[in-house]
Amino acid sequence: MALKRIKIEKEDDGMPSTAIREIALLKKLKHPNVVELKDVVHEKDNLNLIFEYCEHGDLKQYMQSKGGSLTQREIKKLLY
């Protein structure tokens, strides 16, 4: 598993509605090429998103390994 911790600023009526919408969308995404959101844990000032672990790193790390940019061919391959 991989943990993403997000510090949240609370609104008067609780958690920001944008965060709730984003989490709802992430939980619905089910695709072999998309890292799955497994669970959400809400603490006092943090939101912890628990994702399946991706052993090959993230897109930023991949791009850095390629010199900071990708060719059109690499982009098309990733998007396909």
N, C-alpha and C. Protein backbone atom coordinates (compact mmCIF):
# COMPACT_ATOMS: atom_id res chain seq x y z
N MET A 1 0.83 -1.18 0.00
CA MET A 1 0.00 0.00 0.00
C MET A 1 0.89 1.26 0.00
N ALA A 2 0.32 2.34 -0.46
CA ALA A 2 1.00 3.63 -0.46
C ALA A 2 0.07 4.64 0.21
N LEU A 3 0.63 5.48 1.03
CA LEU A 3 -0.15 6.45 1.80
C LEU A 3 0.13 7.86 1.30
N LYS A 4 -0.93 8.60 1.05
CA LYS A 4 -0.80 10.01 0.70
C LYS A 4 -1.53 10.81 1.77
N ARG A 5 -0.77 11.61 2.48
CA ARG A 5 -1.34 12.40 3.57
C ARG A 5 -1.56 13.83 3.08
N ILE A 6 -2.78 14.32 3.26
CA ILE A 6 -3.15 15.66 2.83
C ILE A 6 -3.61 16.45 4.04
N LYS A 7 -2.97 17.59 4.26
CA LYS A 7 -3.41 18.49 5.34
C LYS A 7 -4.63 19.25 4.83
N ILE A 8 -5.69 19.22 5.61
CA ILE A 8 -6.91 19.88 5.16
C ILE A 8 -7.23 21.08 6.03
N GLU A 9 -7.75 22.07 5.37
CA GLU A 9 -8.25 23.26 6.05
C GLU A 9 -9.75 23.07 6.14
N LYS A 10 -10.29 23.01 7.33
CA LYS A 10 -11.71 22.76 7.49
C LYS A 10 -12.54 24.01 7.18
N GLU A 11 -13.69 23.76 6.56
CA GLU A 11 -14.66 24.81 6.36
C GLU A 11 -15.59 24.81 7.56
N ASP A 12 -16.48 25.77 7.62
CA ASP A 12 -17.40 25.87 8.75
C ASP A 12 -18.25 24.62 8.92
N ASP A 13 -18.61 23.99 7.81
CA ASP A 13 -19.48 22.80 7.90
C ASP A 13 -18.72 21.49 7.72
N GLY A 14 -17.43 21.47 8.03
CA GLY A 14 -16.66 20.22 7.98
C GLY A 14 -15.64 20.20 6.85
N MET A 15 -15.45 19.03 6.28
CA MET A 15 -14.47 18.84 5.23
C MET A 15 -14.89 19.57 3.95
N PRO A 16 -13.93 20.13 3.21
CA PRO A 16 -14.27 20.82 1.96
C PRO A 16 -15.00 19.90 0.98
N SER A 17 -16.01 20.43 0.33
CA SER A 17 -16.82 19.63 -0.61
C SER A 17 -15.98 19.16 -1.80
N THR A 18 -14.97 19.93 -2.19
CA THR A 18 -14.12 19.50 -3.31
C THR A 18 -13.36 18.22 -2.95
N ALA A 19 -12.92 18.11 -1.71
CA ALA A 19 -12.21 16.90 -1.27
C ALA A 19 -13.15 15.70 -1.29
N ILE A 20 -14.38 15.90 -0.86
CA ILE A 20 -15.36 14.81 -0.85
C ILE A 20 -15.65 14.34 -2.28
N ARG A 21 -15.81 15.28 -3.21
CA ARG A 21 -16.08 14.91 -4.61
C ARG A 21 -14.89 14.16 -5.22
N GLU A 22 -13.68 14.66 -4.94
CA GLU A 22 -12.49 14.02 -5.49
C GLU A 22 -12.34 12.59 -4.98
N ILE A 23 -12.57 12.39 -3.70
CA ILE A 23 -12.47 11.05 -3.11
C ILE A 23 -13.52 10.13 -3.72
N ALA A 24 -14.73 10.63 -3.89
CA ALA A 24 -15.79 9.82 -4.48
C ALA A 24 -15.41 9.37 -5.89
N LEU A 25 -14.83 10.27 -6.68
CA LEU A 25 -14.40 9.90 -8.03
C LEU A 25 -13.26 8.88 -8.00
N LEU A 26 -12.29 9.10 -7.12
CA LEU A 26 -11.15 8.18 -7.03
C LEU A 26 -11.61 6.78 -6.63
N LYS A 27 -12.59 6.68 -5.74
CA LYS A 27 -13.07 5.37 -5.29
C LYS A 27 -13.81 4.63 -6.40
N LYS A 28 -14.39 5.38 -7.36
CA LYS A 28 -15.12 4.75 -8.47
C LYS A 28 -14.20 4.27 -9.58
N LEU A 29 -13.00 4.85 -9.68
CA LEU A 29 -12.08 4.48 -10.76
C LEU A 29 -11.58 3.05 -10.59
N LYS A 30 -11.88 2.22 -11.55
CA LYS A 30 -11.42 0.83 -11.54
C LYS A 30 -10.89 0.52 -12.93
N HIS A 31 -9.58 0.56 -13.07
CA HIS A 31 -8.95 0.30 -14.37
C HIS A 31 -7.56 -0.26 -14.13
N PRO A 32 -7.11 -1.21 -14.92
CA PRO A 32 -5.79 -1.81 -14.69
C PRO A 32 -4.63 -0.82 -14.78
N ASN A 33 -4.81 0.30 -15.46
CA ASN A 33 -3.73 1.27 -15.61
C ASN A 33 -3.85 2.45 -14.66
N VAL A 34 -4.76 2.37 -13.71
CA VAL A 34 -4.95 3.45 -12.74
C VAL A 34 -4.76 2.87 -11.34
N VAL A 35 -3.91 3.50 -10.55
CA VAL A 35 -3.67 3.05 -9.18
C VAL A 35 -4.98 3.19 -8.39
N GLU A 36 -5.37 2.12 -7.71
CA GLU A 36 -6.66 2.09 -7.01
C GLU A 36 -6.59 2.72 -5.62
N LEU A 37 -7.58 3.55 -5.33
CA LEU A 37 -7.74 4.10 -3.98
C LEU A 37 -8.45 3.04 -3.15
N LYS A 38 -7.76 2.53 -2.12
CA LYS A 38 -8.29 1.44 -1.31
C LYS A 38 -9.14 1.93 -0.15
N ASP A 39 -8.69 3.02 0.50
CA ASP A 39 -9.41 3.49 1.68
C ASP A 39 -9.05 4.93 1.96
N VAL A 40 -9.85 5.57 2.79
CA VAL A 40 -9.62 6.94 3.22
C VAL A 40 -9.76 6.98 4.74
N VAL A 41 -8.79 7.57 5.42
CA VAL A 41 -8.83 7.71 6.87
C VAL A 41 -8.75 9.19 7.19
N HIS A 42 -9.78 9.68 7.87
CA HIS A 42 -9.84 11.09 8.23
C HIS A 42 -9.39 11.27 9.67
N GLU A 43 -8.36 12.07 9.86
CA GLU A 43 -7.88 12.42 11.20
C GLU A 43 -8.23 13.88 11.44
N LYS A 44 -7.84 14.41 12.57
CA LYS A 44 -8.19 15.77 12.96
C LYS A 44 -7.93 16.79 11.85
N ASP A 45 -6.69 16.92 11.41
CA ASP A 45 -6.33 17.90 10.38
C ASP A 45 -5.77 17.28 9.12
N ASN A 46 -5.85 15.96 9.00
CA ASN A 46 -5.28 15.26 7.84
C ASN A 46 -6.29 14.32 7.22
N LEU A 47 -6.10 14.14 5.94
CA LEU A 47 -6.84 13.14 5.20
C LEU A 47 -5.81 12.17 4.66
N ASN A 48 -5.94 10.91 4.99
CA ASN A 48 -4.99 9.90 4.56
C ASN A 48 -5.63 9.05 3.47
N LEU A 49 -5.06 9.11 2.27
CA LEU A 49 -5.56 8.31 1.17
C LEU A 49 -4.65 7.09 1.03
N ILE A 50 -5.24 5.92 1.04
CA ILE A 50 -4.49 4.68 0.98
C ILE A 50 -4.70 4.06 -0.40
N PHE A 51 -3.60 4.00 -1.16
CA PHE A 51 -3.63 3.50 -2.53
C PHE A 51 -2.92 2.16 -2.61
N GLU A 52 -3.23 1.41 -3.67
CA GLU A 52 -2.43 0.23 -3.93
C GLU A 52 -1.01 0.71 -4.27
N TYR A 53 -0.04 -0.11 -3.97
CA TYR A 53 1.35 0.26 -4.19
C TYR A 53 1.72 0.05 -5.66
N CYS A 54 2.37 1.03 -6.24
CA CYS A 54 2.85 0.95 -7.63
C CYS A 54 4.36 0.82 -7.57
N GLU A 55 4.87 -0.34 -7.85
CA GLU A 55 6.30 -0.61 -7.66
C GLU A 55 7.21 0.16 -8.62
N HIS A 56 6.67 0.72 -9.68
CA HIS A 56 7.50 1.42 -10.64
C HIS A 56 7.55 2.93 -10.42
N GLY A 57 7.04 3.41 -9.32
CA GLY A 57 7.07 4.84 -9.03
C GLY A 57 5.93 5.58 -9.71
N ASP A 58 6.00 6.89 -9.66
CA ASP A 58 4.93 7.69 -10.25
C ASP A 58 5.40 8.36 -11.54
N LEU A 59 4.50 9.09 -12.17
CA LEU A 59 4.81 9.73 -13.45
C LEU A 59 5.97 10.72 -13.33
N LYS A 60 6.00 11.46 -12.24
CA LYS A 60 7.08 12.44 -12.05
C LYS A 60 8.44 11.74 -12.02
N GLN A 61 8.54 10.65 -11.28
CA GLN A 61 9.80 9.90 -11.22
C GLN A 61 10.17 9.34 -12.60
N TYR A 62 9.17 8.85 -13.32
CA TYR A 62 9.42 8.32 -14.66
C TYR A 62 9.95 9.40 -15.58
N MET A 63 9.33 10.58 -15.53
CA MET A 63 9.77 11.68 -16.38
C MET A 63 11.19 12.12 -16.01
N GLN A 64 11.51 12.16 -14.72
CA GLN A 64 12.85 12.54 -14.30
C GLN A 64 13.89 11.54 -14.83
N SER A 65 13.52 10.27 -14.86
CA SER A 65 14.44 9.25 -15.37
C SER A 65 14.67 9.41 -16.88
N LYS A 66 13.75 10.10 -17.55
CA LYS A 66 13.85 10.33 -19.00
C LYS A 66 14.40 11.71 -19.31
N GLY A 67 14.95 12.40 -18.32
CA GLY A 67 15.53 13.72 -18.56
C GLY A 67 14.57 14.88 -18.38
N GLY A 68 13.40 14.62 -17.82
CA GLY A 68 12.46 15.70 -17.52
C GLY A 68 11.35 15.89 -18.51
N SER A 69 11.41 15.22 -19.65
CA SER A 69 10.33 15.35 -20.62
C SER A 69 10.15 14.03 -21.38
N LEU A 70 9.02 13.90 -22.03
CA LEU A 70 8.71 12.69 -22.78
C LEU A 70 8.47 13.04 -24.24
N THR A 71 8.76 12.09 -25.11
CA THR A 71 8.46 12.29 -26.52
C THR A 71 6.97 12.06 -26.75
N GLN A 72 6.47 12.50 -27.89
CA GLN A 72 5.07 12.26 -28.23
C GLN A 72 4.77 10.76 -28.26
N ARG A 73 5.70 9.99 -28.74
CA ARG A 73 5.52 8.54 -28.82
C ARG A 73 5.36 7.94 -27.41
N GLU A 74 6.20 8.39 -26.45
CA GLU A 74 6.12 7.88 -25.08
C GLU A 74 4.79 8.30 -24.44
N ILE A 75 4.37 9.52 -24.68
CA ILE A 75 3.09 10.00 -24.13
C ILE A 75 1.94 9.18 -24.67
N LYS A 76 1.93 8.93 -25.99
CA LYS A 76 0.86 8.14 -26.59
C LYS A 76 0.83 6.73 -26.01
N LYS A 77 2.02 6.14 -25.82
CA LYS A 77 2.11 4.80 -25.26
C LYS A 77 1.54 4.76 -23.85
N LEU A 78 1.88 5.76 -23.02
CA LEU A 78 1.38 5.81 -21.65
C LEU A 78 -0.13 6.02 -21.61
N LEU A 79 -0.65 6.86 -22.48
CA LEU A 79 -2.08 7.15 -22.49
C LEU A 79 -2.90 6.00 -23.04
N TYR A 80 -2.31 5.22 -23.96
CA TYR A 80 -3.02 4.11 -24.54
C TYR A 80 -3.34 3.08 -23.48
